[in-house]
Amino acid sequence: MGKIIVKKAITRRPGHLYYVDGKGNVCEAKMARGGKKKKKAKKKVAKKKPAKKKPVKKKKKK
């Protein structure tokens, strides 16, 4: 668990996360919220026509 070094050293804003990085600086990052996903644009897929098959000729046995 972390220790409190100084109280009220910075003014905190709602929706932001504050942490001390490896160099000892206080950093601010916007908190990510789960459940809110970006809407994807639907792709229009062109219908493919079925490929025409050539008739297979049967060989006669001699």
Protein backbone atom coordinates (compact mmCIF):
# COMPACT_ATOMS: atom_id res chain seq x y z
CA MET A 1 0.00 0.00 0.00
CA GLY A 2 1.20 3.53 -0.74
CA LYS A 3 2.08 6.16 1.82
CA ILE A 4 0.73 9.71 1.96
CA ILE A 5 3.71 12.08 1.76
CA VAL A 6 2.04 15.49 1.39
CA LYS A 7 -1.65 16.34 1.63
CA LYS A 8 -3.26 18.90 -0.70
CA ALA A 9 -0.13 19.47 -2.76
CA ILE A 10 -2.22 19.61 -5.95
CA THR A 11 -5.81 20.43 -6.79
CA ARG A 12 -7.56 17.30 -7.97
CA ARG A 13 -10.02 17.27 -10.86
CA PRO A 14 -12.82 14.72 -11.14
CA GLY A 15 -12.27 11.98 -13.70
CA HIS A 16 -8.48 12.08 -13.42
CA LEU A 17 -6.06 9.68 -11.78
CA TYR A 18 -2.98 10.94 -9.95
CA TYR A 19 0.12 8.85 -9.32
CA VAL A 20 3.83 9.16 -8.61
CA ASP A 21 5.98 7.88 -11.49
CA GLY A 22 9.38 6.21 -11.27
CA LYS A 23 11.22 9.54 -11.21
CA GLY A 24 9.15 10.81 -8.28
CA ASN A 25 6.98 13.22 -10.26
CA VAL A 26 3.24 13.48 -9.67
CA CYS A 27 1.43 12.59 -12.88
CA GLU A 28 -2.17 13.08 -13.96
CA ALA A 29 -4.02 10.74 -16.33
CA LYS A 30 -7.63 10.74 -17.47
CA MET A 31 -9.40 7.69 -16.10
CA ALA A 32 -10.75 5.20 -18.59
CA ARG A 33 -14.34 4.19 -18.02
CA GLY A 34 -15.55 0.74 -18.91
CA GLY A 35 -18.69 0.06 -20.91
CA LYS A 36 -18.44 2.98 -23.30
CA LYS A 37 -17.40 1.62 -26.66
CA LYS A 38 -17.04 3.53 -29.89
CA LYS A 39 -19.62 2.76 -32.53
CA LYS A 40 -18.23 1.03 -35.58
CA ALA A 41 -19.39 2.06 -39.01
CA LYS A 42 -21.08 -0.80 -40.80
CA LYS A 43 -19.27 -1.95 -43.89
CA LYS A 44 -21.29 -2.61 -46.99
CA VAL A 45 -20.41 -5.96 -48.46
CA ALA A 46 -21.05 -6.50 -52.14
CA LYS A 47 -22.81 -9.76 -52.90
CA LYS A 48 -20.64 -12.14 -54.85
CA LYS A 49 -22.11 -14.03 -57.75
CA PRO A 50 -21.53 -17.78 -57.65
CA ALA A 51 -18.77 -18.94 -59.96
CA LYS A 52 -19.93 -20.77 -63.04
CA LYS A 53 -18.59 -24.30 -63.23
CA LYS A 54 -17.65 -25.79 -66.54
CA PRO A 55 -19.30 -29.13 -67.30
CA VAL A 56 -16.95 -32.05 -66.82
CA LYS A 57 -16.73 -34.41 -69.76
CA LYS A 58 -16.64 -38.08 -68.83
CA LYS A 59 -14.09 -40.26 -70.54
CA LYS A 60 -15.29 -43.45 -72.17
CA LYS A 61 -13.55 -46.67 -71.31
CA LYS A 62 -12.18 -48.65 -74.24
